[in-house]
């Protein structure tokens, strides 16, 4: 019997392993690269692609159908002007990867027009028995790329359309602060726009979890000035989330003859005072010199410089106490539904922030996590995104704000409330600064016996997409010790108020036309019958 040579065996194994390593580490040839590219392309189609006939009402349904319903069909909205050149580059990459009809430039078409057209076509297809269209609707997800203001615009539209199956939304950080995407795990730095980066993001969207987030409604009543030094002058140059809204119903108590009433909403924060003043200076500078603000790092450094030049770091020396929050406005909060009470504001507070998310000014958390004593004696809780509560925080100056950089740093916790109301009367200041979700404006204050009123109240929830390790937390998460004590957040709580307060004003409610309803009823039985016959035929073919 031949003796086994262990040395030669090890040598042969080592030689085979070396050959395998050389094979795996060699440069891929063109055919292999093409095969990998084709495989990736097929994966994109299989998971994210929406056929043209779903998106375009006049397209033929026979030649454009996919064999299977995509796992995660996405609609992509890109603000091509966001992020300097990044918005345009991202738009081109999405166009390359997906159907060009499922990717939209918000500078060319508003999201309410896109969604109205799409969902009307889906209803028609469903009426004709198209199960493919029905499953696309069930699995649909939305991606919006832009700043916090752009994301808020789309959230308002989806909320106001009141779709039967509103799609959850993922946000791509293309702005300066990017608080909304950061809170839900999508990062705060501007993303890569190359194919691999976008494919990686799409896969994250497919694996993301759904979370509900509170929506907050704003009513603002004022007498718009026609002349004077205050900017904006009539028509008011308000943020996009307020600018386009009509007056509320005449039956509303905030409507007074000679006054203008605006409505809108936010999902991240409302702030007033010195922080909004710095933001306003930044936006004004960027509007006048857009070529200087095409890089996120440059934007952030410019923001810091403006904070210094505006006196935010030397507030007690530069800014008069007449512009402090307590001297500017009377504040009321709603701790229990329907019950307003005065909120004491410390005299030194120069900025007040009403937070919905644990992310502000580029990812900082002004509320922090109250310790057990604060929870017991002041009834304060950690910041949850779906508890129906706003966290109200005050700051004295920029040095106070720098405390947030410490591990357990936080601002002055003023209250948690279901609503907040600011009343401005004639005083020594003729204006203040406000902002919602990163969009600031210069707000005129009363000159006579008038009153400017800003009222914020809870209005339902929206569905967001989040990574599994995101900062945003739900009060209904089993790991939260507060889940059993959570107040019920009624998504239909607006039933108790008039129609104008049920919406943000971003879009008219989506309604199925009567002719489509009639078509759906007339075709309702026939598609189910054909589906039954097809299933029976398929079963018989399988048996034979």
Protein backbone atom coordinates (compact mmCIF):
# COMPACT_ATOMS: atom_id res chain seq x y z
CA UNK A 1 0.00 0.00 0.00
CA UNK A 2 1.39 3.35 -1.07
CA UNK A 3 2.34 5.60 1.83
CA UNK A 4 0.41 8.85 2.09
CA UNK A 5 2.73 11.85 1.55
CA UNK A 6 1.36 14.63 3.80
CA UNK A 7 3.93 17.15 2.56
CA UNK A 8 2.95 16.74 -1.09
CA UNK A 9 -0.75 16.91 -0.12
CA UNK A 10 -0.26 20.20 1.71
CA UNK A 11 1.76 21.54 -1.21
CA UNK A 12 -1.01 20.68 -3.70
CA UNK A 13 -3.69 22.22 -1.48
CA UNK A 14 -1.63 25.40 -1.11
CA UNK A 15 -1.09 25.52 -4.87
CA UNK A 16 -4.84 25.14 -5.55
CA UNK A 17 -5.64 27.84 -2.98
CA UNK A 18 -3.14 30.21 -4.57
CA UNK A 19 -4.72 29.66 -7.97
CA UNK A 20 -8.16 30.35 -6.51
CA UNK A 21 -6.95 33.56 -4.85
CA UNK A 22 -5.35 34.68 -8.11
CA UNK A 23 -8.62 33.98 -9.93
CA UNK A 24 -10.69 35.91 -7.40
CA UNK A 25 -8.30 38.86 -7.27
CA UNK A 26 -7.71 39.19 -11.01
CA UNK A 27 -9.22 42.17 -12.87
CA UNK A 28 -12.67 41.39 -14.22
CA UNK A 29 -12.87 41.21 -17.98
CA UNK A 30 -15.38 43.19 -19.98
CA UNK A 31 -17.87 40.32 -20.30
CA UNK A 32 -17.90 39.71 -16.54
CA UNK A 33 -18.34 43.42 -15.84
CA UNK A 34 -21.20 43.53 -18.32
CA UNK A 35 -22.79 40.51 -16.64
CA UNK A 36 -22.51 42.14 -13.20
CA UNK A 37 -23.91 45.38 -14.57
CA UNK A 38 -26.80 43.54 -16.23
CA UNK A 39 -27.50 41.64 -13.00
CA UNK A 40 -27.57 44.92 -11.01
CA UNK A 41 -29.79 46.50 -13.65
CA UNK A 42 -32.22 43.57 -13.45
CA UNK A 43 -32.22 43.84 -9.65
CA UNK A 44 -33.14 47.55 -9.87
CA UNK A 45 -36.00 46.74 -12.26
CA UNK A 46 -37.20 43.86 -10.12
CA UNK A 47 -37.26 45.90 -6.93
CA UNK A 48 -37.93 49.57 -7.75
CA UNK A 49 -39.07 50.07 -11.34
CA UNK A 50 -42.62 51.27 -12.08
CA UNK A 51 -43.95 50.50 -15.60
CA UNK A 52 -44.78 53.49 -17.78
CA UNK A 53 -48.44 52.58 -18.21
CA UNK A 54 -48.93 53.06 -14.43
CA UNK A 55 -47.34 56.50 -14.53
CA UNK A 56 -48.59 57.81 -17.87
CA UNK A 57 -52.37 57.50 -18.47
CA UNK A 58 -52.03 57.32 -22.28
CA UNK A 59 -49.43 54.55 -22.37
CA UNK A 60 -50.26 51.04 -23.59
CA UNK A 61 -50.55 48.47 -20.80
CA UNK A 62 -49.66 45.47 -22.99
CA UNK A 63 -46.11 46.30 -24.05
CA UNK A 64 -44.80 47.81 -20.82
CA UNK A 65 -45.79 45.28 -18.17
CA UNK A 66 -43.18 43.65 -15.90
CA UNK A 67 -43.43 39.92 -15.11
CA UNK A 68 -43.74 40.57 -11.37
CA UNK A 69 -44.80 43.46 -9.16
CA UNK A 70 -41.65 45.27 -7.93
CA UNK A 71 -40.77 44.71 -4.29
CA UNK A 72 -40.41 48.41 -3.50
CA UNK A 73 -41.79 50.70 -6.25
CA UNK A 74 -40.58 54.26 -5.62
CA UNK A 75 -41.54 57.74 -6.73
CA UNK A 76 -38.57 60.13 -6.62
CA UNK A 77 -38.89 63.91 -6.16
CA UNK A 78 -35.69 65.96 -6.44
CA UNK A 79 -35.18 69.65 -5.81
CA UNK A 80 -32.55 70.18 -8.52
CA UNK A 81 -31.58 73.54 -6.97
CA UNK A 82 -30.68 72.03 -3.59
CA UNK A 83 -27.15 71.15 -2.56
CA UNK A 84 -25.44 73.34 -5.14
CA UNK A 85 -24.79 71.07 -8.13
CA UNK A 86 -25.75 67.89 -6.24
CA UNK A 87 -29.49 68.18 -6.89
CA UNK A 88 -29.03 68.14 -10.66
CA UNK A 89 -26.48 65.31 -10.51
CA UNK A 90 -28.76 63.21 -8.30
CA UNK A 91 -31.66 63.80 -10.69
CA UNK A 92 -29.58 62.51 -13.63
CA UNK A 93 -28.49 59.40 -11.71
CA UNK A 94 -32.06 58.49 -10.74
CA UNK A 95 -33.14 59.04 -14.36
CA UNK A 96 -30.42 56.64 -15.48
CA UNK A 97 -31.40 53.92 -13.00
CA UNK A 98 -35.20 54.13 -13.06
CA UNK A 99 -38.04 54.88 -15.43
CA UNK A 100 -37.73 58.57 -16.29
CA UNK A 101 -41.48 58.92 -15.64
CA UNK A 102 -41.07 57.97 -11.97
CA UNK A 103 -38.43 60.65 -11.27
CA UNK A 104 -39.54 64.29 -10.99
CA UNK A 105 -37.78 67.64 -10.79
CA UNK A 106 -39.70 69.78 -8.30
CA UNK A 107 -38.57 72.86 -10.19
CA UNK A 108 -40.60 71.71 -13.20
CA UNK A 109 -43.71 70.14 -11.70
CA UNK A 110 -45.33 70.43 -8.28
CA UNK A 111 -45.79 67.18 -6.29
CA UNK A 112 -49.56 67.58 -5.88
CA UNK A 113 -49.97 67.60 -9.69
CA UNK A 114 -47.82 64.46 -10.04
CA UNK A 115 -49.58 62.50 -7.29
CA UNK A 116 -53.06 63.52 -8.39
CA UNK A 117 -52.38 62.31 -11.95
CA UNK A 118 -50.78 59.07 -10.77
CA UNK A 119 -53.49 58.07 -8.29
CA UNK A 120 -56.27 58.93 -10.71
CA UNK A 121 -54.67 56.60 -13.29
CA UNK A 122 -54.26 53.86 -10.66
CA UNK A 123 -57.95 54.13 -9.77
CA UNK A 124 -58.90 53.74 -13.45
CA UNK A 125 -56.65 50.71 -13.83
CA UNK A 126 -58.00 49.13 -10.66
CA UNK A 127 -61.50 49.66 -12.02
CA UNK A 128 -60.50 47.60 -15.05
CA UNK A 129 -59.35 44.74 -12.84
CA UNK A 130 -55.62 45.50 -12.95
CA UNK A 131 -54.23 43.81 -9.83
CA UNK A 132 -50.73 44.90 -10.80
CA UNK A 133 -51.71 48.55 -10.37
CA UNK A 134 -53.42 47.78 -7.04
CA UNK A 135 -50.27 46.10 -5.68
CA UNK A 136 -48.09 48.97 -6.91
CA UNK A 137 -50.30 51.30 -4.86
CA UNK A 138 -49.97 49.11 -1.76
CA UNK A 139 -46.16 48.91 -1.98
CA UNK A 140 -45.45 52.48 -3.12
CA UNK A 141 -42.77 54.49 -1.32
CA UNK A 142 -41.68 58.09 -1.90
CA UNK A 143 -38.16 59.52 -1.91
CA UNK A 144 -37.72 63.30 -1.64
CA UNK A 145 -34.29 64.88 -2.10
CA UNK A 146 -33.82 68.44 -0.87
CA UNK A 147 -33.60 70.53 2.27
CA UNK A 148 -35.99 70.40 5.23
CA UNK A 149 -38.26 72.94 3.50
CA UNK A 150 -38.55 70.73 0.40
CA UNK A 151 -39.34 67.68 2.53
CA UNK A 152 -41.98 69.67 4.43
CA UNK A 153 -43.57 70.74 1.13
CA UNK A 154 -44.01 67.12 0.06
CA UNK A 155 -45.24 66.03 3.51
CA UNK A 156 -47.88 68.76 3.39
CA UNK A 157 -49.03 67.67 -0.06
CA UNK A 158 -49.33 63.99 0.91
CA UNK A 159 -51.21 64.95 4.08
CA UNK A 160 -53.64 67.28 2.30
CA UNK A 161 -54.42 64.88 -0.56
CA UNK A 162 -55.81 62.46 2.05
CA UNK A 163 -55.06 59.39 -0.06
CA UNK A 164 -56.62 56.08 0.97
CA UNK A 165 -53.14 54.52 1.15
CA UNK A 166 -50.63 57.37 1.65
CA UNK A 167 -47.09 56.15 0.86
CA UNK A 168 -44.34 56.43 3.50
CA UNK A 169 -41.57 58.94 2.76
CA UNK A 170 -37.77 58.77 2.88
CA UNK A 171 -35.69 61.96 2.78
CA UNK A 172 -32.32 62.55 1.07
CA UNK A 173 -30.25 65.26 2.87
CA UNK A 174 -29.51 67.99 0.29
CA UNK A 175 -29.92 71.05 2.52
CA UNK A 176 -27.71 72.81 5.06
CA UNK A 177 -29.25 71.61 8.36
CA UNK A 178 -30.90 68.35 7.22
CA UNK A 179 -32.61 67.83 10.57
CA UNK A 180 -35.46 65.74 9.16
CA UNK A 181 -33.31 63.09 7.39
CA UNK A 182 -30.88 63.01 10.31
CA UNK A 183 -33.64 62.24 12.82
CA UNK A 184 -34.81 59.23 10.78
CA UNK A 185 -31.37 57.83 10.10
CA UNK A 186 -30.64 59.09 6.57
CA UNK A 187 -27.68 61.21 7.64
CA UNK A 188 -27.02 64.95 7.64
CA UNK A 189 -24.18 65.17 5.13
CA UNK A 190 -24.94 65.65 1.45
CA UNK A 191 -24.96 62.17 -0.17
CA UNK A 192 -22.97 60.76 -3.05
CA UNK A 193 -24.62 61.12 -6.45
CA UNK A 194 -22.81 58.30 -8.31
CA UNK A 195 -24.54 55.08 -9.33
CA UNK A 196 -23.22 52.98 -6.44
CA UNK A 197 -24.25 55.53 -3.81
CA UNK A 198 -27.77 55.85 -5.22
CA UNK A 199 -28.17 52.06 -5.54
CA UNK A 200 -27.04 51.70 -1.92
CA UNK A 201 -29.61 54.31 -0.83
CA UNK A 202 -32.39 52.54 -2.76
CA UNK A 203 -31.57 49.29 -0.96
CA UNK A 204 -31.75 51.11 2.38
CA UNK A 205 -35.18 52.45 1.42
CA UNK A 206 -36.34 48.92 0.58
CA UNK A 207 -35.21 47.65 4.01
CA UNK A 208 -36.40 50.69 5.99
CA UNK A 209 -39.06 50.51 8.69
CA UNK A 210 -42.20 52.66 8.78
CA UNK A 211 -42.72 55.17 11.59
CA UNK A 212 -45.49 57.65 12.27
CA UNK A 213 -44.61 61.29 12.90
CA UNK A 214 -46.79 64.06 14.35
CA UNK A 215 -47.89 66.88 12.05
CA UNK A 216 -48.30 70.44 13.39
CA UNK A 217 -50.69 73.03 11.99
CA UNK A 218 -50.04 76.79 12.10
CA UNK A 219 -52.58 79.61 11.89
CA UNK A 220 -51.14 83.11 11.69
CA UNK A 221 -53.27 86.26 11.74
CA UNK A 222 -51.87 89.74 11.07
CA UNK A 223 -52.58 93.02 9.38
CA UNK A 224 -50.17 92.95 6.44
CA UNK A 225 -48.33 96.27 6.10
CA UNK A 226 -48.53 98.07 2.78
CA UNK A 227 -45.69 100.49 3.50
CA UNK A 228 -42.89 100.78 6.01
CA UNK A 229 -39.40 99.55 6.76
CA UNK A 230 -40.46 96.02 7.70
CA UNK A 231 -39.63 93.29 5.22
CA UNK A 232 -41.62 91.44 4.03
CA UNK A 233 -44.14 94.01 2.92
CA UNK A 234 -47.44 93.08 1.31
CA UNK A 235 -47.68 90.64 -0.30
CA UNK A 236 -45.85 88.92 2.55
CA UNK A 237 -42.71 87.08 1.52
CA UNK A 238 -43.37 84.08 3.71
CA UNK A 239 -41.85 80.57 3.47
CA UNK A 240 -43.19 78.17 0.86
CA UNK A 241 -45.07 76.28 3.54
CA UNK A 242 -47.11 79.42 4.30
CA UNK A 243 -46.80 81.62 1.23
CA UNK A 244 -49.26 79.88 -1.07
CA UNK A 245 -52.08 79.36 1.41
CA UNK A 246 -55.48 80.99 1.19
CA UNK A 247 -57.42 82.64 3.96
CA UNK A 248 -59.16 80.42 6.44
CA UNK A 249 -62.93 80.14 6.61
CA UNK A 250 -64.84 83.32 7.62
CA UNK A 251 -66.35 81.27 10.45
CA UNK A 252 -62.91 80.96 12.07
CA UNK A 253 -62.48 83.06 15.22
CA UNK A 254 -59.02 84.17 14.09
CA UNK A 255 -60.48 85.88 11.02
CA UNK A 256 -60.99 89.60 11.67
CA UNK A 257 -61.95 92.27 9.14
CA UNK A 258 -58.86 93.89 7.62
CA UNK A 259 -56.52 91.10 8.70
CA UNK A 260 -54.83 88.37 6.69
CA UNK A 261 -54.84 84.81 8.01
CA UNK A 262 -52.29 82.28 6.80
CA UNK A 263 -52.13 78.58 7.47
CA UNK A 264 -49.46 75.97 7.07
CA UNK A 265 -47.63 73.26 8.89
CA UNK A 266 -44.32 71.92 10.06
CA UNK A 267 -42.83 68.57 11.02
CA UNK A 268 -39.49 69.52 12.53
CA UNK A 269 -39.62 72.82 14.45
CA UNK A 270 -40.94 76.36 14.77
CA UNK A 271 -38.54 78.92 16.22
CA UNK A 272 -38.58 82.63 16.99
CA UNK A 273 -35.94 85.13 18.06
CA UNK A 274 -32.20 85.36 17.55
CA UNK A 275 -31.63 81.94 15.96
CA UNK A 276 -34.25 82.77 13.33
CA UNK A 277 -32.56 86.15 12.80
CA UNK A 278 -29.24 84.47 11.95
CA UNK A 279 -31.05 82.06 9.63
CA UNK A 280 -32.79 84.97 7.91
CA UNK A 281 -29.45 86.73 7.36
CA UNK A 282 -28.00 83.53 5.89
CA UNK A 283 -30.92 82.99 3.50
CA UNK A 284 -30.86 86.64 2.42
CA UNK A 285 -27.14 86.44 1.69
CA UNK A 286 -27.56 83.19 -0.24
CA UNK A 287 -30.40 84.65 -2.27
CA UNK A 288 -28.25 87.62 -3.30
CA UNK A 289 -25.09 85.57 -3.96
CA UNK A 290 -26.14 82.00 -4.84
CA UNK A 291 -22.74 81.16 -6.40
CA UNK A 292 -21.06 81.45 -3.00
CA UNK A 293 -23.28 78.80 -1.38
CA UNK A 294 -22.79 75.62 -3.40
CA UNK A 295 -21.02 73.54 -0.76
CA UNK A 296 -22.44 72.28 2.53
CA UNK A 297 -19.22 72.92 4.50
CA UNK A 298 -18.95 76.47 3.10
CA UNK A 299 -22.62 77.03 3.97
CA UNK A 300 -22.12 75.92 7.55
CA UNK A 301 -19.02 78.09 8.04
CA UNK A 302 -20.89 81.08 6.57
CA UNK A 303 -23.73 80.38 8.98
CA UNK A 304 -21.32 80.47 11.93
CA UNK A 305 -19.77 83.77 10.77
CA UNK A 306 -23.23 85.33 10.47
CA UNK A 307 -23.98 84.17 14.01
CA UNK A 308 -21.02 86.25 15.16
CA UNK A 309 -21.79 89.33 13.04
CA UNK A 310 -25.45 89.28 14.13
CA UNK A 311 -24.37 89.48 17.77
CA UNK A 312 -25.71 86.05 18.75
CA UNK A 313 -22.57 85.42 20.84
CA UNK A 314 -22.75 88.84 22.54
CA UNK A 315 -26.50 89.19 22.88
CA UNK A 316 -26.59 91.02 26.26
CA UNK A 317 -24.33 93.75 24.84
CA UNK A 318 -25.71 94.06 21.31
CA UNK A 319 -29.43 93.35 21.57
CA UNK A 320 -31.86 95.35 23.74
CA UNK A 321 -33.99 93.46 26.24
CA UNK A 322 -37.10 94.73 24.42
CA UNK A 323 -36.43 92.01 21.83
CA UNK A 324 -36.34 89.21 24.39
CA UNK A 325 -39.21 86.72 24.08
CA UNK A 326 -40.95 87.68 27.35
CA UNK A 327 -41.10 91.34 26.26
CA UNK A 328 -42.23 90.55 22.71
CA UNK A 329 -45.14 88.18 23.24
CA UNK A 330 -47.59 86.57 25.62
CA UNK A 331 -47.35 82.77 25.40
CA UNK A 332 -50.07 80.23 26.19
CA UNK A 333 -49.85 76.46 26.04
CA UNK A 334 -52.39 73.65 25.91
CA UNK A 335 -51.47 70.90 28.37
CA UNK A 336 -54.91 69.28 28.12
CA UNK A 337 -57.17 69.39 25.11
CA UNK A 338 -59.16 72.63 25.02
CA UNK A 339 -57.52 74.15 28.11
CA UNK A 340 -55.11 77.07 27.56
CA UNK A 341 -52.79 78.32 30.33
CA UNK A 342 -50.10 81.01 30.50
CA UNK A 343 -46.48 79.94 30.09
CA UNK A 344 -43.84 81.84 32.06
CA UNK A 345 -40.83 82.79 29.91
CA UNK A 346 -37.62 83.76 31.78
CA UNK A 347 -36.66 87.39 31.00
CA UNK A 348 -33.23 86.41 29.63
CA UNK A 349 -34.58 84.07 26.91
CA UNK A 350 -33.92 85.51 23.43
CA UNK A 351 -34.90 82.49 21.36
CA UNK A 352 -37.71 79.97 21.72
CA UNK A 353 -37.93 76.68 19.83
CA UNK A 354 -40.98 74.37 19.52
CA UNK A 355 -39.61 70.93 18.64
CA UNK A 356 -41.30 67.94 17.07
CA UNK A 357 -38.09 65.96 16.39
CA UNK A 358 -34.91 65.42 18.44
CA UNK A 359 -32.86 67.21 15.78
CA UNK A 360 -32.26 70.95 15.47
CA UNK A 361 -29.56 73.16 13.94
CA UNK A 362 -27.74 70.33 12.17
CA UNK A 363 -28.56 67.41 14.44
CA UNK A 364 -28.47 68.85 17.98
CA UNK A 365 -31.06 67.79 20.55
CA UNK A 366 -32.15 70.88 22.57
CA UNK A 367 -34.55 68.93 24.82
CA UNK A 368 -32.20 66.11 25.73
CA UNK A 369 -33.46 63.35 28.03
CA UNK A 370 -34.94 64.57 31.34
CA UNK A 371 -33.67 62.71 34.40
CA UNK A 372 -35.94 60.88 36.84
CA UNK A 373 -36.44 63.96 39.05
CA UNK A 374 -37.55 66.10 36.11
CA UNK A 375 -39.91 63.35 35.00
CA UNK A 376 -41.39 63.01 38.48
CA UNK A 377 -41.75 66.64 39.58
CA UNK A 378 -42.28 68.43 36.25
CA UNK A 379 -43.99 65.61 34.36
CA UNK A 380 -41.42 65.80 31.53
CA UNK A 381 -40.73 62.90 29.16
CA UNK A 382 -38.10 62.14 26.51
CA UNK A 383 -38.86 63.55 23.03
CA UNK A 384 -41.00 61.11 21.04
CA UNK A 385 -42.00 61.82 17.44
CA UNK A 386 -45.55 60.47 17.74
CA UNK A 387 -46.75 61.43 21.24
CA UNK A 388 -48.78 64.48 20.16
CA UNK A 389 -46.53 66.79 22.19
CA UNK A 390 -44.24 69.68 21.30
CA UNK A 391 -41.09 70.24 23.34
CA UNK A 392 -40.70 73.99 24.05
CA UNK A 393 -37.12 75.12 24.73
CA UNK A 394 -35.53 78.53 25.38
CA UNK A 395 -32.01 79.90 24.78
CA UNK A 396 -30.30 83.02 26.10
CA UNK A 397 -27.56 83.32 23.44
CA UNK A 398 -25.13 81.30 21.32
CA UNK A 399 -23.00 80.37 24.33
CA UNK A 400 -26.08 78.80 25.86
CA UNK A 401 -26.62 76.94 22.60
CA UNK A 402 -23.09 75.51 22.70
CA UNK A 403 -24.14 73.55 25.81
CA UNK A 404 -25.90 71.19 23.37
CA UNK A 405 -22.51 69.90 22.26
CA UNK A 406 -21.99 68.34 25.71
CA UNK A 407 -23.20 64.71 26.12
CA UNK A 408 -26.15 65.65 28.38
CA UNK A 409 -26.49 69.29 27.33
CA UNK A 410 -29.88 70.87 26.76
CA UNK A 411 -31.58 74.25 26.57
CA UNK A 412 -34.00 75.72 29.13
CA UNK A 413 -36.91 73.25 29.18
CA UNK A 414 -40.04 75.39 29.30
CA UNK A 415 -42.88 72.91 28.67
CA UNK A 416 -44.35 70.01 26.73
CA UNK A 417 -47.73 70.79 25.21
CA UNK A 418 -50.38 69.74 22.70
CA UNK A 419 -50.50 73.30 21.36
CA UNK A 420 -48.93 76.74 21.80
CA UNK A 421 -50.19 80.26 21.08
CA UNK A 422 -48.20 83.51 20.72
CA UNK A 423 -49.96 86.87 21.00
CA UNK A 424 -48.07 90.01 19.98
CA UNK A 425 -49.28 93.48 20.95
CA UNK A 426 -47.88 96.95 20.34
CA UNK A 427 -44.47 97.30 21.96
CA UNK A 428 -41.02 98.77 21.51
CA UNK A 429 -40.07 96.36 18.68
CA UNK A 430 -41.57 96.67 15.21
CA UNK A 431 -40.54 93.20 14.02
CA UNK A 432 -39.16 89.83 15.04
CA UNK A 433 -37.82 86.80 13.17
CA UNK A 434 -39.48 83.40 12.80
CA UNK A 435 -38.76 80.19 10.94
CA UNK A 436 -40.35 76.83 10.34
CA UNK A 437 -38.33 73.79 9.22
CA UNK A 438 -35.35 75.88 8.18
CA UNK A 439 -37.29 78.57 6.28
CA UNK A 440 -37.07 82.01 8.00
CA UNK A 441 -38.93 85.28 7.57
CA UNK A 442 -38.99 88.77 9.09
CA UNK A 443 -42.32 89.17 10.86
CA UNK A 444 -43.89 92.66 11.25
CA UNK A 445 -45.36 93.34 14.70
CA UNK A 446 -48.36 95.56 15.59
CA UNK A 447 -47.94 99.33 15.32
CA UNK A 448 -51.31 100.29 16.77
CA UNK A 449 -53.80 98.38 18.90
CA UNK A 450 -53.70 95.39 16.56
CA UNK A 451 -52.72 91.87 17.57
CA UNK A 452 -50.58 89.37 15.67
CA UNK A 453 -51.48 85.79 16.60
CA UNK A 454 -49.55 82.60 15.85
CA UNK A 455 -51.26 79.41 16.97
CA UNK A 456 -49.77 75.93 16.64
CA UNK A 457 -51.87 72.79 17.14
CA UNK A 458 -51.56 69.05 16.52
CA UNK A 459 -53.03 67.78 13.25
CA UNK A 460 -52.70 64.05 12.64
CA UNK A 461 -49.64 62.07 11.62
CA UNK A 462 -47.68 61.13 8.50
CA UNK A 463 -45.83 57.91 7.64
CA UNK A 464 -42.05 58.15 7.43
CA UNK A 465 -39.36 55.67 6.42
CA UNK A 466 -36.52 55.24 8.91
CA UNK A 467 -33.40 53.17 9.35
CA UNK A 468 -33.53 50.67 12.19
CA UNK A 469 -30.99 52.56 14.35
CA UNK A 470 -32.40 56.07 13.83
CA UNK A 471 -32.51 58.78 16.51
CA UNK A 472 -36.29 59.29 16.26
CA UNK A 473 -38.16 57.20 18.83
CA UNK A 474 -41.80 56.14 19.07
CA UNK A 475 -43.70 56.28 22.34
CA UNK A 476 -45.40 53.04 21.25
CA UNK A 477 -42.09 51.19 20.92
CA UNK A 478 -42.15 48.26 23.38
CA UNK A 479 -38.70 49.29 24.62
CA UNK A 480 -40.10 52.64 25.76
CA UNK A 481 -41.11 52.68 29.43
CA UNK A 482 -43.69 55.34 28.55
CA UNK A 483 -45.59 53.27 26.00
CA UNK A 484 -48.28 52.20 28.45
CA UNK A 485 -48.85 55.80 29.58
CA UNK A 486 -49.12 57.32 26.11
CA UNK A 487 -52.10 59.52 25.40
CA UNK A 488 -54.10 58.32 22.44
CA UNK A 489 -53.18 60.42 19.41
CA UNK A 490 -56.33 60.61 17.34
CA UNK A 491 -55.53 61.01 13.66
CA UNK A 492 -59.12 62.19 13.15
CA UNK A 493 -59.03 64.78 15.94
CA UNK A 494 -59.61 67.49 13.33
CA UNK A 495 -63.24 66.38 13.09
CA UNK A 496 -63.98 68.81 15.91
CA UNK A 497 -62.76 71.83 13.91
CA UNK A 498 -63.86 73.45 10.68
CA UNK A 499 -62.71 72.26 7.27
CA UNK A 500 -60.00 74.91 6.84
CA UNK A 501 -58.23 73.74 10.01
CA UNK A 502 -58.13 70.14 8.86
CA UNK A 503 -55.50 70.85 6.23
CA UNK A 504 -52.19 72.61 5.65
CA UNK A 505 -53.22 74.23 2.37
CA UNK A 506 -50.58 72.45 0.28
CA UNK A 507 -53.08 70.65 -1.98
CA UNK A 508 -56.78 70.05 -2.52
CA UNK A 509 -58.15 66.73 -1.29
CA UNK A 510 -57.83 63.97 -3.91
CA UNK A 511 -61.28 62.87 -5.06
CA UNK A 512 -62.09 60.13 -7.54
CA UNK A 513 -64.15 61.59 -10.43
CA UNK A 514 -67.75 60.36 -10.71
CA UNK A 515 -67.15 58.78 -14.12
CA UNK A 516 -64.30 56.67 -12.69
CA UNK A 517 -66.49 55.59 -9.76
CA UNK A 518 -69.22 54.53 -12.20
CA UNK A 519 -66.66 52.67 -14.30
CA UNK A 520 -65.33 50.89 -11.23
CA UNK A 521 -68.83 49.83 -10.19
CA UNK A 522 -69.78 48.61 -13.67
CA UNK A 523 -66.56 46.63 -14.01
CA UNK A 524 -66.48 45.47 -10.43
CA UNK A 525 -67.80 41.94 -11.03
CA UNK A 526 -66.31 41.21 -14.43
CA UNK A 527 -62.63 41.49 -13.41
CA UNK A 528 -63.19 39.17 -10.45
CA UNK A 529 -64.83 36.62 -12.77
CA UNK A 530 -61.96 36.79 -15.27
CA UNK A 531 -59.47 36.42 -12.44
CA UNK A 532 -61.30 33.29 -11.24
CA UNK A 533 -61.28 31.81 -14.76
CA UNK A 534 -57.56 32.52 -15.18
CA UNK A 535 -56.78 30.83 -11.86
CA UNK A 536 -58.83 27.75 -12.81
CA UNK A 537 -57.09 27.52 -16.18
CA UNK A 538 -53.65 27.82 -14.57
CA UNK A 539 -54.58 25.08 -12.06
CA UNK A 540 -55.67 22.68 -14.84
CA UNK A 541 -52.48 23.33 -16.84
CA UNK A 542 -50.36 22.58 -13.77
CA UNK A 543 -52.23 19.29 -13.17
CA UNK A 544 -51.59 18.18 -16.77
